[in-house]
Amino acid sequence: MDSQIEARPWLRQNEWEVRFEWGPTGVEAVAAGAVVIVDVLRFTTAVDAGVGRGVAVFPYRWKDSSAQDFADQVGAVLADPGDPLGPSLSPVSLLPLGPQDRVVLPSPNGSTCAAIAHDKGAVVVAACLRNAHAVGDWLNQTTPAVTVIACGERWEDRSLRPSLEDYLGAGAVISTLTGTRSPEAAAAADAWTAARTRIRDVLADCVSGREATARGWGRDLDFAAEVDVSAAVPLLRDGCFVDARAGR
């Protein structure tokens, strides 16, 4: 990837302070001083739900046996989608937790993008519709160079499936940033402006929203559709997301 980027430097969007790209490959191509990870249904919304309550949230790339080993290593509870009483990738499942809790959230999309950005030396922040304005305000005071990544979903062959909810979530963050915008970033912000007044219906009717409804995740969908109700700024520090405002 690095050699390809060197041969095609225009892929980096370096002429602008605010850039936009898709998925893990986009992180590798365009990572700037700060990278905002957007995975609205459901990873970054779950991160915001936990961090907003003082929970230390550890991202993890894989949903296999190594996840439990990692959770044991960091002294955290592994989110289990099969446990209706315990924490899972469902944002609302994290609401009963508090500052004493540590949770590992496996996610092949959001966690993978966060890990790649961290490995490239970027400041990594998790954003969703709930905290888009808070994240944007914090970044405006921190760094002018920002790449916003819409994580997207996966087809069965593991190729990237761009998802509307992540595109709009990225646009919500970009709309608050004061730096110059690449055409890609500006288009995402415009899409958010067009959808904002009917965002609950847009989320419910898009492919991922229909999947959420079919899987019984209606409460998560409603929670994710709430705009700018959270002041949390989940910052990846020492392997886990914590609230940047708390100076932890």
Protein backbone atom coordinates (compact mmCIF):
# COMPACT_ATOMS: atom_id res chain seq x y z
CA MET A 1 0.00 0.00 0.00
CA ASP A 2 2.73 2.52 0.90
CA SER A 3 4.46 2.03 -2.45
CA GLN A 4 1.16 2.51 -4.27
CA ILE A 5 0.51 5.73 -2.37
CA GLU A 6 4.01 7.02 -3.12
CA ALA A 7 3.36 6.41 -6.81
CA ARG A 8 -0.07 8.07 -6.61
CA PRO A 9 0.28 10.81 -3.96
CA TRP A 10 -3.06 12.40 -4.90
CA LEU A 11 -4.75 9.55 -3.01
CA ARG A 12 -3.71 11.15 0.29
CA GLN A 13 -5.88 14.28 -0.15
CA ASN A 14 -2.95 16.21 1.36
CA GLU A 15 -4.03 19.49 -0.21
CA TRP A 16 -6.79 19.76 2.37
CA GLU A 17 -6.88 19.69 6.16
CA VAL A 18 -10.06 17.61 6.44
CA ARG A 19 -10.16 14.38 4.43
CA PHE A 20 -12.63 11.53 4.03
CA GLU A 21 -12.14 7.88 3.11
CA TRP A 22 -13.63 4.40 3.50
CA GLY A 23 -12.55 1.41 5.57
CA PRO A 24 -9.17 -0.03 6.52
CA THR A 25 -7.55 0.64 3.15
CA GLY A 26 -8.66 4.24 3.37
CA VAL A 27 -7.00 4.58 6.77
CA GLU A 28 -3.73 3.32 5.31
CA ALA A 29 -3.94 5.74 2.40
CA VAL A 30 -5.08 8.96 4.05
CA ALA A 31 -4.23 8.81 7.76
CA ALA A 32 -3.52 12.34 9.01
CA GLY A 33 -2.56 13.75 12.40
CA ALA A 34 -5.93 12.66 13.74
CA VAL A 35 -8.21 9.89 12.49
CA VAL A 36 -11.91 9.77 13.35
CA ILE A 37 -13.45 6.30 13.20
CA VAL A 38 -17.18 6.20 12.36
CA ASP A 39 -19.08 2.90 12.66
CA VAL A 40 -22.58 4.03 13.62
CA LEU A 41 -24.29 0.62 13.74
CA ARG A 42 -22.91 -0.27 16.16
CA PHE A 43 -19.25 -0.09 17.21
CA THR A 44 -18.55 3.63 17.69
CA THR A 45 -22.01 4.23 19.13
CA ALA A 46 -21.24 1.51 21.69
CA VAL A 47 -17.85 3.10 22.39
CA ASP A 48 -19.54 6.45 23.01
CA ALA A 49 -22.12 4.83 25.30
CA GLY A 50 -19.41 3.22 27.40
CA VAL A 51 -16.89 6.05 27.46
CA GLY A 52 -19.62 8.53 28.31
CA ARG A 53 -20.12 6.57 31.54
CA GLY A 54 -16.43 6.37 32.36
CA VAL A 55 -15.98 2.81 31.05
CA ALA A 56 -12.58 1.87 29.60
CA VAL A 57 -13.43 0.34 26.20
CA PHE A 58 -10.82 -1.84 24.50
CA PRO A 59 -11.27 -2.37 20.75
CA TYR A 60 -10.30 -5.77 19.40
CA ARG A 61 -10.19 -6.85 15.76
CA TRP A 62 -11.30 -10.47 15.95
CA LYS A 63 -14.32 -12.31 17.33
CA ASP A 64 -12.49 -15.54 18.14
CA SER A 65 -10.94 -17.30 21.13
CA SER A 66 -8.06 -14.82 21.21
CA ALA A 67 -10.52 -12.12 22.26
CA GLN A 68 -11.08 -13.80 25.62
CA ASP A 69 -7.33 -14.16 26.10
CA PHE A 70 -6.93 -10.45 25.40
CA ALA A 71 -9.73 -9.57 27.83
CA ASP A 72 -8.06 -11.64 30.55
CA GLN A 73 -4.76 -9.94 29.82
CA VAL A 74 -6.15 -6.42 30.28
CA GLY A 75 -8.49 -7.32 33.16
CA ALA A 76 -11.66 -6.60 31.23
CA VAL A 77 -14.98 -8.28 30.47
CA LEU A 78 -15.36 -9.57 26.93
CA ALA A 79 -18.51 -8.28 25.26
CA ASP A 80 -20.61 -11.32 24.40
CA PRO A 81 -23.41 -10.97 21.83
CA GLY A 82 -24.90 -14.23 23.10
CA ASP A 83 -25.37 -12.99 26.67
CA PRO A 84 -28.57 -10.91 26.97
CA LEU A 85 -27.62 -9.77 30.47
CA GLY A 86 -24.00 -8.81 29.90
CA PRO A 87 -22.26 -6.15 27.83
CA SER A 88 -22.18 -6.70 24.09
CA LEU A 89 -21.68 -4.64 20.94
CA SER A 90 -25.18 -3.31 21.61
CA PRO A 91 -24.79 0.30 22.81
CA VAL A 92 -27.74 0.05 25.18
CA SER A 93 -26.15 -2.99 26.87
CA LEU A 94 -23.35 -0.71 28.11
CA LEU A 95 -25.62 1.83 29.76
CA PRO A 96 -25.66 0.11 33.21
CA LEU A 97 -21.83 0.17 33.41
CA GLY A 98 -19.70 2.74 35.20
CA PRO A 99 -16.15 4.00 35.80
CA GLN A 100 -15.09 0.79 37.51
CA ASP A 101 -15.76 -1.29 34.38
CA ARG A 102 -13.44 -2.38 31.58
CA VAL A 103 -14.89 -3.94 28.41
CA VAL A 104 -13.38 -5.50 25.28
CA LEU A 105 -15.46 -4.86 22.14
CA PRO A 106 -14.53 -7.11 19.20
CA SER A 107 -15.37 -5.51 15.87
CA PRO A 108 -13.90 -6.42 12.48
CA ASN A 109 -14.72 -3.00 11.00
CA GLY A 110 -14.41 -0.22 13.58
CA SER A 111 -11.74 -1.90 15.70
CA THR A 112 -9.65 -2.78 12.65
CA CYS A 113 -9.72 0.80 11.38
CA ALA A 114 -8.80 2.08 14.84
CA ALA A 115 -5.88 -0.34 15.11
CA ILE A 116 -4.48 0.59 11.70
CA ALA A 117 -4.71 4.30 12.46
CA HIS A 118 -3.03 3.80 15.83
CA ASP A 119 -0.23 1.79 14.21
CA LYS A 120 0.37 4.67 11.80
CA GLY A 121 0.89 7.01 14.75
CA ALA A 122 -2.37 8.95 14.44
CA VAL A 123 -4.49 10.34 17.23
CA VAL A 124 -7.55 8.05 17.09
CA VAL A 125 -11.05 9.19 18.08
CA ALA A 126 -14.37 7.31 17.85
CA ALA A 127 -17.40 9.25 16.64
CA CYS A 128 -21.06 8.61 15.93
CA LEU A 129 -24.16 10.74 15.51
CA ARG A 130 -24.52 11.10 19.26
CA ASN A 131 -21.16 12.82 19.80
CA ALA A 132 -20.29 14.22 16.36
CA HIS A 133 -20.34 17.85 17.50
CA ALA A 134 -18.35 17.14 20.66
CA VAL A 135 -15.67 15.30 18.68
CA GLY A 136 -15.52 18.07 16.09
CA ASP A 137 -15.16 20.78 18.73
CA TRP A 138 -12.35 18.88 20.43
CA LEU A 139 -10.50 18.34 17.17
CA ASN A 140 -10.83 22.00 16.23
CA GLN A 141 -8.87 22.80 19.37
CA THR A 142 -6.36 19.99 18.90
CA THR A 143 -5.21 19.55 15.29
CA PRO A 144 -6.10 20.95 11.86
CA ALA A 145 -5.23 17.72 9.99
CA VAL A 146 -8.10 15.24 10.32
CA THR A 147 -9.09 12.16 8.34
CA VAL A 148 -12.64 10.94 8.90
CA ILE A 149 -13.12 7.25 8.11
CA ALA A 150 -16.50 5.69 7.39
CA CYS A 151 -15.85 2.07 8.32
CA GLY A 152 -18.62 0.50 6.26
CA GLU A 153 -19.72 -3.12 6.36
CA ARG A 154 -18.59 -6.32 4.62
CA TRP A 155 -20.01 -8.42 1.85
CA GLU A 156 -19.79 -12.19 2.25
CA ASP A 157 -16.53 -12.20 0.25
CA ARG A 158 -15.13 -9.75 2.88
CA SER A 159 -14.94 -6.85 0.43
CA LEU A 160 -16.04 -3.43 1.67
CA ARG A 161 -19.72 -2.55 1.51
CA PRO A 162 -20.07 1.23 1.89
CA SER A 163 -22.87 1.98 4.33
CA LEU A 164 -25.10 5.04 4.34
CA GLU A 165 -25.18 5.42 8.12
CA ASP A 166 -21.39 5.68 8.34
CA TYR A 167 -21.26 8.13 5.43
CA LEU A 168 -23.78 10.37 7.19
CA GLY A 169 -22.03 9.97 10.55
CA ALA A 170 -18.75 11.01 8.93
CA GLY A 171 -20.51 13.97 7.37
CA ALA A 172 -21.89 15.00 10.76
CA VAL A 173 -18.35 15.19 12.14
CA ILE A 174 -16.95 16.93 9.06
CA SER A 175 -19.67 19.57 9.21
CA THR A 176 -18.30 20.74 12.57
CA LEU A 177 -14.63 20.88 11.52
CA THR A 178 -13.17 24.25 10.58
CA GLY A 179 -10.32 23.10 8.33
CA THR A 180 -10.35 23.15 4.55
CA ARG A 181 -12.26 20.15 3.16
CA SER A 182 -11.37 17.81 0.34
CA PRO A 183 -14.16 17.34 -2.23
CA GLU A 184 -14.81 13.90 -0.69
CA ALA A 185 -15.17 15.40 2.79
CA ALA A 186 -17.34 18.26 1.54
CA ALA A 187 -19.69 15.83 -0.21
CA ALA A 188 -20.12 13.81 3.00
CA ALA A 189 -20.93 16.99 4.93
CA ASP A 190 -23.48 17.97 2.28
CA ALA A 191 -25.11 14.54 2.51
CA TRP A 192 -25.42 14.97 6.27
CA THR A 193 -27.01 18.40 5.90
CA ALA A 194 -29.59 16.97 3.51
CA ALA A 195 -30.47 14.04 5.78
CA ARG A 196 -30.23 15.56 9.24
CA THR A 197 -33.86 16.62 9.70
CA ARG A 198 -35.09 13.09 8.92
CA ILE A 199 -32.16 11.07 10.19
CA ARG A 200 -34.20 8.56 12.22
CA ASP A 201 -36.20 7.56 9.15
CA VAL A 202 -33.11 7.46 6.94
CA LEU A 203 -31.31 5.17 9.38
CA ALA A 204 -34.33 2.91 9.76
CA ASP A 205 -34.84 2.58 5.99
CA CYS A 206 -31.24 2.07 4.88
CA VAL A 207 -29.80 -1.43 4.44
CA SER A 208 -28.06 -1.50 7.83
CA GLY A 209 -31.12 -0.10 9.58
CA ARG A 210 -33.35 -2.76 8.09
CA GLU A 211 -30.84 -5.37 9.21
CA ALA A 212 -30.90 -3.91 12.74
CA THR A 213 -34.68 -4.10 12.82
CA ALA A 214 -34.69 -7.67 11.51
CA ARG A 215 -32.19 -8.70 14.18
CA GLY A 216 -34.21 -7.11 16.97
CA TRP A 217 -31.85 -4.19 17.51
CA GLY A 218 -34.56 -1.52 17.45
CA ARG A 219 -33.40 0.07 20.71
CA ASP A 220 -29.86 0.33 19.36
CA LEU A 221 -31.19 1.96 16.20
CA ASP A 222 -33.15 4.55 18.19
CA PHE A 223 -30.13 5.20 20.43
CA ALA A 224 -27.78 5.60 17.44
CA ALA A 225 -30.16 8.04 15.71
CA GLU A 226 -29.99 10.59 18.55
CA VAL A 227 -27.89 13.54 17.38
CA ASP A 228 -25.42 15.53 19.52
CA VAL A 229 -26.73 14.29 22.86
CA SER A 230 -23.32 13.13 24.11
CA ALA A 231 -20.34 15.26 25.15
CA ALA A 232 -17.94 12.29 25.26
CA VAL A 233 -14.79 12.33 23.12
CA PRO A 234 -13.55 8.72 23.01
CA LEU A 235 -9.77 8.88 22.54
CA LEU A 236 -7.69 5.72 22.00
CA ARG A 237 -5.02 5.81 24.69
CA ASP A 238 -2.87 2.90 25.92
CA GLY A 239 -4.99 0.45 23.96
CA CYS A 240 -8.42 1.58 25.17
CA PHE A 241 -10.90 4.34 24.51
CA VAL A 242 -11.27 6.85 27.33
CA ASP A 243 -12.82 10.30 27.45
CA ALA A 244 -10.32 12.89 26.22
CA ARG A 245 -12.10 15.57 28.25
CA ALA A 246 -11.37 13.78 31.52
CA GLY A 247 -7.59 13.86 30.97
CA ARG A 248 -7.38 10.17 31.76
